[in-house]
Amino acid sequence: MTLLQIVTLVLVLIAGTAVVLTPLPVRQTLVLALYGFGLTVLFFSFQAPDVALSEIVVSGVALPLIILCALRRLADERADHDRRQRTRPDRGDGGDP
């Protein structure tokens, strides 16, 4: 094993730990993308360029984009739900409408 491979393995280990320990979903998604780019370098160092190119597309671009879109949709749905709850008239009997 070369020095580049060892250094890359350590960096991927640190990046993977950072993904798990990041509390906010948006920041976690961005750290996940950096982790994917670290895996890309790791695959290149182990002479697997085809896997590295796939890794760039999947974990560096596509997966973070999908997660960010899902987080945005969840935020929009939560805002719509809160807005509907505020505009619903209170019947005063404590029951469901």
PDB file of N, CA and C in Angstrom:
ATOM      1  N   MET A   1       0.849  -1.163   0.000  1.00  0.00           N
ATOM      2  CA  MET A   1       0.000   0.000   0.000  1.00  0.00           C
ATOM      3  C   MET A   1       0.902   1.236   0.000  1.00  0.00           C
ATOM      4  N   THR A   2       0.529   2.210  -0.817  1.00  0.00           N
ATOM      5  CA  THR A   2       1.349   3.413  -0.945  1.00  0.00           C
ATOM      6  C   THR A   2       0.962   4.448   0.111  1.00  0.00           C
ATOM      7  N   LEU A   3       1.786   5.455   0.234  1.00  0.00           N
ATOM      8  CA  LEU A   3       1.517   6.533   1.183  1.00  0.00           C
ATOM      9  C   LEU A   3       0.245   7.290   0.788  1.00  0.00           C
ATOM     10  N   LEU A   4       0.034   7.503  -0.506  1.00  0.00           N
ATOM     11  CA  LEU A   4      -1.173   8.186  -0.979  1.00  0.00           C
ATOM     12  C   LEU A   4      -2.424   7.415  -0.573  1.00  0.00           C
ATOM     13  N   GLN A   5      -2.386   6.103  -0.689  1.00  0.00           N
ATOM     14  CA  GLN A   5      -3.548   5.299  -0.317  1.00  0.00           C
ATOM     15  C   GLN A   5      -3.820   5.367   1.175  1.00  0.00           C
ATOM     16  N   ILE A   6      -2.777   5.351   1.971  1.00  0.00           N
ATOM     17  CA  ILE A   6      -2.949   5.422   3.425  1.00  0.00           C
ATOM     18  C   ILE A   6      -3.517   6.781   3.830  1.00  0.00           C
ATOM     19  N   VAL A   7      -2.957   7.845   3.267  1.00  0.00           N
ATOM     20  CA  VAL A   7      -3.447   9.190   3.574  1.00  0.00           C
ATOM     21  C   VAL A   7      -4.902   9.336   3.142  1.00  0.00           C
ATOM     22  N   THR A   8      -5.238   8.827   1.969  1.00  0.00           N
ATOM     23  CA  THR A   8      -6.608   8.916   1.474  1.00  0.00           C
ATOM     24  C   THR A   8      -7.562   8.115   2.347  1.00  0.00           C
ATOM     25  N   LEU A   9      -7.143   6.941   2.786  1.00  0.00           N
ATOM     26  CA  LEU A   9      -7.982   6.151   3.689  1.00  0.00           C
ATOM     27  C   LEU A   9      -8.255   6.897   4.994  1.00  0.00           C
ATOM     28  N   VAL A  10      -7.243   7.551   5.536  1.00  0.00           N
ATOM     29  CA  VAL A  10      -7.423   8.314   6.770  1.00  0.00           C
ATOM     30  C   VAL A  10      -8.367   9.489   6.539  1.00  0.00           C
ATOM     31  N   LEU A  11      -8.215  10.180   5.411  1.00  0.00           N
ATOM     32  CA  LEU A  11      -9.104  11.303   5.108  1.00  0.00           C
ATOM     33  C   LEU A  11     -10.547  10.849   4.907  1.00  0.00           C
ATOM     34  N   VAL A  12     -10.735   9.707   4.266  1.00  0.00           N
ATOM     35  CA  VAL A  12     -12.084   9.172   4.093  1.00  0.00           C
ATOM     36  C   VAL A  12     -12.672   8.777   5.448  1.00  0.00           C
ATOM     37  N   LEU A  13     -11.859   8.222   6.322  1.00  0.00           N
ATOM     38  CA  LEU A  13     -12.315   7.888   7.666  1.00  0.00           C
ATOM     39  C   LEU A  13     -12.769   9.139   8.417  1.00  0.00           C
ATOM     40  N   ILE A  14     -11.992  10.194   8.331  1.00  0.00           N
ATOM     41  CA  ILE A  14     -12.345  11.451   9.000  1.00  0.00           C
ATOM     42  C   ILE A  14     -13.613  12.044   8.384  1.00  0.00           C
ATOM     43  N   ALA A  15     -13.720  12.018   7.065  1.00  0.00           N
ATOM     44  CA  ALA A  15     -14.892  12.577   6.393  1.00  0.00           C
ATOM     45  C   ALA A  15     -16.150  11.772   6.720  1.00  0.00           C
ATOM     46  N   GLY A  16     -16.033  10.456   6.780  1.00  0.00           N
ATOM     47  CA  GLY A  16     -17.182   9.627   7.143  1.00  0.00           C
ATOM     48  C   GLY A  16     -17.655   9.908   8.555  1.00  0.00           C
ATOM     49  N   THR A  17     -16.721  10.100   9.456  1.00  0.00           N
ATOM     50  CA  THR A  17     -17.071  10.451  10.835  1.00  0.00           C
ATOM     51  C   THR A  17     -17.724  11.826  10.882  1.00  0.00           C
ATOM     52  N   ALA A  18     -17.240  12.752  10.081  1.00  0.00           N
ATOM     53  CA  ALA A  18     -17.827  14.095  10.036  1.00  0.00           C
ATOM     54  C   ALA A  18     -19.260  14.049   9.520  1.00  0.00           C
ATOM     55  N   VAL A  19     -19.543  13.174   8.559  1.00  0.00           N
ATOM     56  CA  VAL A  19     -20.910  13.039   8.045  1.00  0.00           C
ATOM     57  C   VAL A  19     -21.842  12.592   9.167  1.00  0.00           C
ATOM     58  N   VAL A  20     -21.405  11.619   9.924  1.00  0.00           N
ATOM     59  CA  VAL A  20     -22.247  11.078  10.991  1.00  0.00           C
ATOM     60  C   VAL A  20     -22.447  12.090  12.117  1.00  0.00           C
ATOM     61  N   LEU A  21     -21.430  12.876  12.430  1.00  0.00           N
ATOM     62  CA  LEU A  21     -21.501  13.793  13.562  1.00  0.00           C
ATOM     63  C   LEU A  21     -22.092  15.160  13.227  1.00  0.00           C
ATOM     64  N   THR A  22     -22.363  15.437  11.967  1.00  0.00           N
ATOM     65  CA  THR A  22     -22.947  16.727  11.577  1.00  0.00           C
ATOM     66  C   THR A  22     -24.439  16.712  11.893  1.00  0.00           C
ATOM     67  N   PRO A  23     -24.917  17.643  12.729  1.00  0.00           N
ATOM     68  CA  PRO A  23     -26.306  17.563  13.190  1.00  0.00           C
ATOM     69  C   PRO A  23     -27.350  18.114  12.207  1.00  0.00           C
ATOM     70  N   LEU A  24     -27.024  19.121  11.445  1.00  0.00           N
ATOM     71  CA  LEU A  24     -28.009  19.738  10.559  1.00  0.00           C
ATOM     72  C   LEU A  24     -28.054  19.021   9.211  1.00  0.00           C
ATOM     73  N   PRO A  25     -29.251  18.675   8.725  1.00  0.00           N
ATOM     74  CA  PRO A  25     -29.356  17.900   7.490  1.00  0.00           C
ATOM     75  C   PRO A  25     -28.729  18.558   6.259  1.00  0.00           C
ATOM     76  N   VAL A  26     -28.865  19.869   6.124  1.00  0.00           N
ATOM     77  CA  VAL A  26     -28.301  20.539   4.943  1.00  0.00           C
ATOM     78  C   VAL A  26     -26.774  20.479   4.992  1.00  0.00           C
ATOM     79  N   ARG A  27     -26.211  20.764   6.138  1.00  0.00           N
ATOM     80  CA  ARG A  27     -24.751  20.682   6.270  1.00  0.00           C
ATOM     81  C   ARG A  27     -24.275  19.242   6.124  1.00  0.00           C
ATOM     82  N   GLN A  28     -25.067  18.312   6.647  1.00  0.00           N
ATOM     83  CA  GLN A  28     -24.704  16.900   6.526  1.00  0.00           C
ATOM     84  C   GLN A  28     -24.672  16.480   5.055  1.00  0.00           C
ATOM     85  N   THR A  29     -25.579  17.014   4.260  1.00  0.00           N
ATOM     86  CA  THR A  29     -25.594  16.711   2.833  1.00  0.00           C
ATOM     87  C   THR A  29     -24.345  17.239   2.143  1.00  0.00           C
ATOM     88  N   LEU A  30     -23.932  18.431   2.503  1.00  0.00           N
ATOM     89  CA  LEU A  30     -22.724  19.001   1.905  1.00  0.00           C
ATOM     90  C   LEU A  30     -21.473  18.230   2.331  1.00  0.00           C
ATOM     91  N   VAL A  31     -21.424  17.815   3.590  1.00  0.00           N
ATOM     92  CA  VAL A  31     -20.296  17.008   4.054  1.00  0.00           C
ATOM     93  C   VAL A  31     -20.312  15.647   3.364  1.00  0.00           C
ATOM     94  N   LEU A  32     -21.509  15.121   3.105  1.00  0.00           N
ATOM     95  CA  LEU A  32     -21.631  13.852   2.376  1.00  0.00           C
ATOM     96  C   LEU A  32     -21.058  13.977   0.964  1.00  0.00           C
ATOM     97  N   ALA A  33     -21.286  15.117   0.321  1.00  0.00           N
ATOM     98  CA  ALA A  33     -20.718  15.327  -1.010  1.00  0.00           C
ATOM     99  C   ALA A  33     -19.190  15.359  -0.947  1.00  0.00           C
ATOM    100  N   LEU A  34     -18.645  16.018   0.075  1.00  0.00           N
ATOM    101  CA  LEU A  34     -17.190  16.026   0.238  1.00  0.00           C
ATOM    102  C   LEU A  34     -16.662  14.622   0.509  1.00  0.00           C
ATOM    103  N   TYR A  35     -17.402  13.856   1.274  1.00  0.00           N
ATOM    104  CA  TYR A  35     -17.041  12.458   1.533  1.00  0.00           C
ATOM    105  C   TYR A  35     -17.021  11.666   0.218  1.00  0.00           C
ATOM    106  N   GLY A  36     -17.990  11.928  -0.649  1.00  0.00           N
ATOM    107  CA  GLY A  36     -18.022  11.262  -1.951  1.00  0.00           C
ATOM    108  C   GLY A  36     -16.821  11.611  -2.807  1.00  0.00           C
ATOM    109  N   PHE A  37     -16.412  12.874  -2.755  1.00  0.00           N
ATOM    110  CA  PHE A  37     -15.218  13.258  -3.512  1.00  0.00           C
ATOM    111  C   PHE A  37     -13.957  12.620  -2.917  1.00  0.00           C
ATOM    112  N   GLY A  38     -13.949  12.453  -1.602  1.00  0.00           N
ATOM    113  CA  GLY A  38     -12.838  11.736  -0.970  1.00  0.00           C
ATOM    114  C   GLY A  38     -12.784  10.285  -1.407  1.00  0.00           C
ATOM    115  N   LEU A  39     -13.956   9.661  -1.513  1.00  0.00           N
ATOM    116  CA  LEU A  39     -14.000   8.288  -2.020  1.00  0.00           C
ATOM    117  C   LEU A  39     -13.524   8.213  -3.464  1.00  0.00           C
ATOM    118  N   THR A  40     -13.818   9.251  -4.232  1.00  0.00           N
ATOM    119  CA  THR A  40     -13.355   9.289  -5.615  1.00  0.00           C
ATOM    120  C   THR A  40     -11.832   9.262  -5.676  1.00  0.00           C
ATOM    121  N   VAL A  41     -11.208  10.089  -4.845  1.00  0.00           N
ATOM    122  CA  VAL A  41      -9.737  10.104  -4.803  1.00  0.00           C
ATOM    123  C   VAL A  41      -9.216   8.744  -4.340  1.00  0.00           C
ATOM    124  N   LEU A  42      -9.891   8.143  -3.383  1.00  0.00           N
ATOM    125  CA  LEU A  42      -9.491   6.828  -2.893  1.00  0.00           C
ATOM    126  C   LEU A  42      -9.547   5.781  -4.010  1.00  0.00           C
ATOM    127  N   PHE A  43     -10.625   5.790  -4.777  1.00  0.00           N
ATOM    128  CA  PHE A  43     -10.743   4.820  -5.868  1.00  0.00           C
ATOM    129  C   PHE A  43      -9.687   5.053  -6.945  1.00  0.00           C
ATOM    130  N   PHE A  44      -9.394   6.322  -7.223  1.00  0.00           N
ATOM    131  CA  PHE A  44      -8.323   6.594  -8.178  1.00  0.00           C
ATOM    132  C   PHE A  44      -6.978   6.093  -7.652  1.00  0.00           C
ATOM    133  N   SER A  45      -6.742   6.263  -6.354  1.00  0.00           N
ATOM    134  CA  SER A  45      -5.466   5.817  -5.800  1.00  0.00           C
ATOM    135  C   SER A  45      -5.342   4.297  -5.808  1.00  0.00           C
ATOM    136  N   PHE A  46      -6.461   3.597  -5.776  1.00  0.00           N
ATOM    137  CA  PHE A  46      -6.444   2.136  -5.877  1.00  0.00           C
ATOM    138  C   PHE A  46      -6.607   1.658  -7.327  1.00  0.00           C
ATOM    139  N   GLN A  47      -6.424   2.579  -8.262  1.00  0.00           N
ATOM    140  CA  GLN A  47      -6.429   2.297  -9.693  1.00  0.00           C
ATOM    141  C   GLN A  47      -7.746   1.697 -10.172  1.00  0.00           C
ATOM    142  N   ALA A  48      -8.831   2.345  -9.766  1.00  0.00           N
ATOM    143  CA  ALA A  48     -10.166   1.955 -10.228  1.00  0.00           C
ATOM    144  C   ALA A  48     -10.860   3.198 -10.793  1.00  0.00           C
ATOM    145  N   PRO A  49     -10.406   3.684 -11.953  1.00  0.00           N
ATOM    146  CA  PRO A  49     -10.959   4.935 -12.472  1.00  0.00           C
ATOM    147  C   PRO A  49     -12.422   4.835 -12.875  1.00  0.00           C
ATOM    148  N   ASP A  50     -12.878   3.655 -13.314  1.00  0.00           N
ATOM    149  CA  ASP A  50     -14.284   3.521 -13.689  1.00  0.00           C
ATOM    150  C   ASP A  50     -15.192   3.678 -12.472  1.00  0.00           C
ATOM    151  N   VAL A  51     -14.797   3.091 -11.358  1.00  0.00           N
ATOM    152  CA  VAL A  51     -15.567   3.240 -10.122  1.00  0.00           C
ATOM    153  C   VAL A  51     -15.484   4.677  -9.623  1.00  0.00           C
ATOM    154  N   ALA A  52     -14.339   5.304  -9.767  1.00  0.00           N
ATOM    155  CA  ALA A  52     -14.164   6.686  -9.326  1.00  0.00           C
ATOM    156  C   ALA A  52     -15.063   7.635 -10.105  1.00  0.00           C
ATOM    157  N   LEU A  53     -15.168   7.432 -11.404  1.00  0.00           N
ATOM    158  CA  LEU A  53     -16.039   8.289 -12.208  1.00  0.00           C
ATOM    159  C   LEU A  53     -17.506   8.103 -11.823  1.00  0.00           C
ATOM    160  N   SER A  54     -17.894   6.878 -11.565  1.00  0.00           N
ATOM    161  CA  SER A  54     -19.264   6.624 -11.104  1.00  0.00           C
ATOM    162  C   SER A  54     -19.502   7.280  -9.741  1.00  0.00           C
ATOM    163  N   GLU A  55     -18.505   7.222  -8.896  1.00  0.00           N
ATOM    164  CA  GLU A  55     -18.613   7.804  -7.557  1.00  0.00           C
ATOM    165  C   GLU A  55     -18.785   9.318  -7.626  1.00  0.00           C
ATOM    166  N   ILE A  56     -18.109   9.960  -8.551  1.00  0.00           N
ATOM    167  CA  ILE A  56     -18.270  11.415  -8.717  1.00  0.00           C
ATOM    168  C   ILE A  56     -19.718  11.747  -9.030  1.00  0.00           C
ATOM    169  N   VAL A  57     -20.286  11.013  -9.960  1.00  0.00           N
ATOM    170  CA  VAL A  57     -21.655  11.303 -10.396  1.00  0.00           C
ATOM    171  C   VAL A  57     -22.655  10.986  -9.288  1.00  0.00           C
ATOM    172  N   VAL A  58     -22.512   9.833  -8.664  1.00  0.00           N
ATOM    173  CA  VAL A  58     -23.520   9.401  -7.700  1.00  0.00           C
ATOM    174  C   VAL A  58     -23.409  10.152  -6.376  1.00  0.00           C
ATOM    175  N   SER A  59     -22.287  10.021  -5.683  1.00  0.00           N
ATOM    176  CA  SER A  59     -22.225  10.603  -4.337  1.00  0.00           C
ATOM    177  C   SER A  59     -21.742  12.036  -4.318  1.00  0.00           C
ATOM    178  N   GLY A  60     -21.164  12.503  -5.390  1.00  0.00           N
ATOM    179  CA  GLY A  60     -20.708  13.886  -5.418  1.00  0.00           C
ATOM    180  C   GLY A  60     -21.731  14.850  -5.964  1.00  0.00           C
ATOM    181  N   VAL A  61     -22.624  14.351  -6.837  1.00  0.00           N
ATOM    182  CA  VAL A  61     -23.572  15.252  -7.487  1.00  0.00           C
ATOM    183  C   VAL A  61     -25.020  14.800  -7.279  1.00  0.00           C
ATOM    184  N   ALA A  62     -25.353  13.598  -7.735  1.00  0.00           N
ATOM    185  CA  ALA A  62     -26.749  13.166  -7.763  1.00  0.00           C
ATOM    186  C   ALA A  62     -27.358  13.000  -6.376  1.00  0.00           C
ATOM    187  N   LEU A  63     -26.697  12.268  -5.496  1.00  0.00           N
ATOM    188  CA  LEU A  63     -27.257  12.022  -4.170  1.00  0.00           C
ATOM    189  C   LEU A  63     -27.446  13.307  -3.368  1.00  0.00           C
ATOM    190  N   PRO A  64     -26.456  14.196  -3.284  1.00  0.00           N
ATOM    191  CA  PRO A  64     -26.706  15.452  -2.560  1.00  0.00           C
ATOM    192  C   PRO A  64     -27.827  16.283  -3.175  1.00  0.00           C
ATOM    193  N   LEU A  65     -27.926  16.289  -4.507  1.00  0.00           N
ATOM    194  CA  LEU A  65     -28.999  17.037  -5.157  1.00  0.00           C
ATOM    195  C   LEU A  65     -30.364  16.471  -4.792  1.00  0.00           C
ATOM    196  N   ILE A  66     -30.498  15.155  -4.798  1.00  0.00           N
ATOM    197  CA  ILE A  66     -31.762  14.519  -4.439  1.00  0.00           C
ATOM    198  C   ILE A  66     -32.109  14.798  -2.981  1.00  0.00           C
ATOM    199  N   ILE A  67     -31.134  14.703  -2.095  1.00  0.00           N
ATOM    200  CA  ILE A  67     -31.393  14.951  -0.675  1.00  0.00           C
ATOM    201  C   ILE A  67     -31.785  16.406  -0.446  1.00  0.00           C
ATOM    202  N   LEU A  68     -31.097  17.348  -1.084  1.00  0.00           N
ATOM    203  CA  LEU A  68     -31.439  18.760  -0.914  1.00  0.00           C
ATOM    204  C   LEU A  68     -32.836  19.065  -1.445  1.00  0.00           C
ATOM    205  N   CYS A  69     -33.218  18.443  -2.566  1.00  0.00           N
ATOM    206  CA  CYS A  69     -34.574  18.630  -3.090  1.00  0.00           C
ATOM    207  C   CYS A  69     -35.617  18.063  -2.129  1.00  0.00           C
ATOM    208  N   ALA A  70     -35.343  16.916  -1.544  1.00  0.00           N
ATOM    209  CA  ALA A  70     -36.268  16.315  -0.587  1.00  0.00           C
ATOM    210  C   ALA A  70     -36.389  17.181   0.666  1.00  0.00           C
ATOM    211  N   LEU A  71     -35.269  17.713   1.154  1.00  0.00           N
ATOM    212  CA  LEU A  71     -35.320  18.591   2.324  1.00  0.00           C
ATOM    213  C   LEU A  71     -36.121  19.855   2.029  1.00  0.00           C
ATOM    214  N   ARG A  72     -35.961  20.383   0.833  1.00  0.00           N
ATOM    215  CA  ARG A  72     -36.721  21.579   0.443  1.00  0.00           C
ATOM    216  C   ARG A  72     -38.214  21.279   0.386  1.00  0.00           C
ATOM    217  N   ARG A  73     -38.555  20.136  -0.165  1.00  0.00           N
ATOM    218  CA  ARG A  73     -39.970  19.774  -0.258  1.00  0.00           C
ATOM    219  C   ARG A  73     -40.574  19.570   1.132  1.00  0.00           C
ATOM    220  N   LEU A  74     -39.828  18.930   2.017  1.00  0.00           N
ATOM    221  CA  LEU A  74     -40.315  18.756   3.385  1.00  0.00           C
ATOM    222  C   LEU A  74     -40.542  20.099   4.072  1.00  0.00           C
ATOM    223  N   ALA A  75     -39.627  21.032   3.857  1.00  0.00           N
ATOM    224  CA  ALA A  75     -39.776  22.362   4.460  1.00  0.00           C
ATOM    225  C   ALA A  75     -41.002  23.077   3.896  1.00  0.00           C
ATOM    226  N   ASP A  76     -41.233  22.959   2.589  1.00  0.00           N
ATOM    227  CA  ASP A  76     -42.411  23.583   1.984  1.00  0.00           C
ATOM    228  C   ASP A  76     -43.701  22.964   2.507  1.00  0.00           C
ATOM    229  N   GLU A  77     -43.724  21.634   2.626  1.00  0.00           N
ATOM    230  CA  GLU A  77     -44.920  20.968   3.136  1.00  0.00           C
ATOM    231  C   GLU A  77     -45.179  21.338   4.590  1.00  0.00           C
ATOM    232  N   ARG A  78     -44.131  21.465   5.372  1.00  0.00           N
ATOM    233  CA  ARG A  78     -44.297  21.864   6.780  1.00  0.00           C
ATOM    234  C   ARG A  78     -44.838  23.289   6.862  1.00  0.00           C
ATOM    235  N   ALA A  79     -44.344  24.163   6.011  1.00  0.00           N
ATOM    236  CA  ALA A  79     -44.835  25.546   6.007  1.00  0.00           C
ATOM    237  C   ALA A  79     -46.301  25.591   5.583  1.00  0.00           C
ATOM    238  N   ASP A  80     -46.688  24.809   4.577  1.00  0.00           N
ATOM    239  CA  ASP A  80     -48.097  24.755   4.165  1.00  0.00           C
ATOM    240  C   ASP A  80     -48.977  24.222   5.285  1.00  0.00           C
ATOM    241  N   HIS A  81     -48.503  23.178   5.969  1.00  0.00           N
ATOM    242  CA  HIS A  81     -49.269  22.598   7.068  1.00  0.00           C
ATOM    243  C   HIS A  81     -49.447  23.616   8.192  1.00  0.00           C
ATOM    244  N   ASP A  82     -48.391  24.328   8.536  1.00  0.00           N
ATOM    245  CA  ASP A  82     -48.475  25.346   9.588  1.00  0.00           C
ATOM    246  C   ASP A  82     -49.415  26.471   9.188  1.00  0.00           C
ATOM    247  N   ARG A  83     -49.371  26.862   7.916  1.00  0.00           N
ATOM    248  CA  ARG A  83     -50.241  27.927   7.436  1.00  0.00           C
ATOM    249  C   ARG A  83     -51.702  27.488   7.500  1.00  0.00           C
ATOM    250  N   ARG A  84     -51.995  26.240   7.139  1.00  0.00           N
ATOM    251  CA  ARG A  84     -53.370  25.732   7.218  1.00  0.00           C
ATOM    252  C   ARG A  84     -53.844  25.657   8.665  1.00  0.00           C
ATOM    253  N   GLN A  85     -52.949  25.286   9.570  1.00  0.00           N
ATOM    254  CA  GLN A  85     -53.324  25.201  10.976  1.00  0.00           C
ATOM    255  C   GLN A  85     -53.660  26.577  11.546  1.00  0.00           C
ATOM    256  N   ARG A  86     -52.946  27.606  11.102  1.00  0.00           N
ATOM    257  CA  ARG A  86     -53.215  28.963  11.594  1.00  0.00           C
ATOM    258  C   ARG A  86     -54.513  29.519  11.043  1.00  0.00           C
ATOM    259  N   THR A  87     -54.878  29.162   9.815  1.00  0.00           N
ATOM    260  CA  THR A  87     -56.077  29.736   9.197  1.00  0.00           C
ATOM    261  C   THR A  87     -57.332  28.927   9.500  1.00  0.00           C
ATOM    262  N   ARG A  88     -57.209  27.745  10.084  1.00  0.00           N
ATOM    263  CA  ARG A  88     -58.382  26.931  10.411  1.00  0.00           C
ATOM    264  C   ARG A  88     -59.098  27.560  11.608  1.00  0.00           C
ATOM    265  N   PRO A  89     -60.414  27.752  11.494  1.00  0.00           N
ATOM    266  CA  PRO A  89     -61.143  28.324  12.624  1.00  0.00           C
ATOM    267  C   PRO A  89     -61.234  27.319  13.774  1.00  0.00           C
ATOM    268  N   ASP A  90     -61.111  27.803  14.981  1.00  0.00           N
ATOM    269  CA  ASP A  90     -61.200  26.960  16.159  1.00  0.00           C
ATOM    270  C   ASP A  90     -62.677  26.785  16.510  1.00  0.00           C
ATOM    271  N   ARG A  91     -63.140  25.550  16.596  1.00  0.00           N
ATOM    272  CA  ARG A  91     -64.557  25.290  16.863  1.00  0.00           C
ATOM    273  C   ARG A  91     -64.873  25.440  18.332  1.00  0.00           C
ATOM    274  N   GLY A  92     -63.893  25.318  19.178  1.00  0.00           N
ATOM    275  CA  GLY A  92     -64.127  25.531  20.584  1.00  0.00           C
ATOM    276  C   GLY A  92     -64.600  24.315  21.348  1.00  0.00           C
ATOM    277  N   ASP A  93     -64.956  23.227  20.659  1.00  0.00           N
ATOM    278  CA  ASP A  93     -65.420  22.031  21.365  1.00  0.00           C
ATOM    279  C   ASP A  93     -64.321  21.009  21.591  1.00  0.00           C
ATOM    280  N   GLY A  94     -63.143  21.278  21.072  1.00  0.00           N
ATOM    281  CA  GLY A  94     -61.994  20.386  21.283  1.00  0.00           C
ATOM    282  C   GLY A  94     -62.010  19.153  20.395  1.00  0.00           C
ATOM    283  N   GLY A  95     -63.006  18.995  19.539  1.00  0.00           N
ATOM    284  CA  GLY A  95     -63.084  17.838  18.664  1.00  0.00           C
ATOM    285  C   GLY A  95     -62.500  18.104  17.300  1.00  0.00           C
ATOM    286  N   ASP A  96     -62.400  17.068  16.527  1.00  0.00           N
ATOM    287  CA  ASP A  96     -61.935  17.222  15.154  1.00  0.00           C
ATOM    288  C   ASP A  96     -63.035  17.776  14.291  1.00  0.00           C
ATOM    289  N   PRO A  97     -62.706  18.574  13.267  1.00  0.00           N
ATOM    290  CA  PRO A  97     -63.739  19.147  12.395  1.00  0.00           C
ATOM    291  C   PRO A  97     -64.387  18.107  11.531  1.00  0.00           C
TER     292      PRO A  97
END
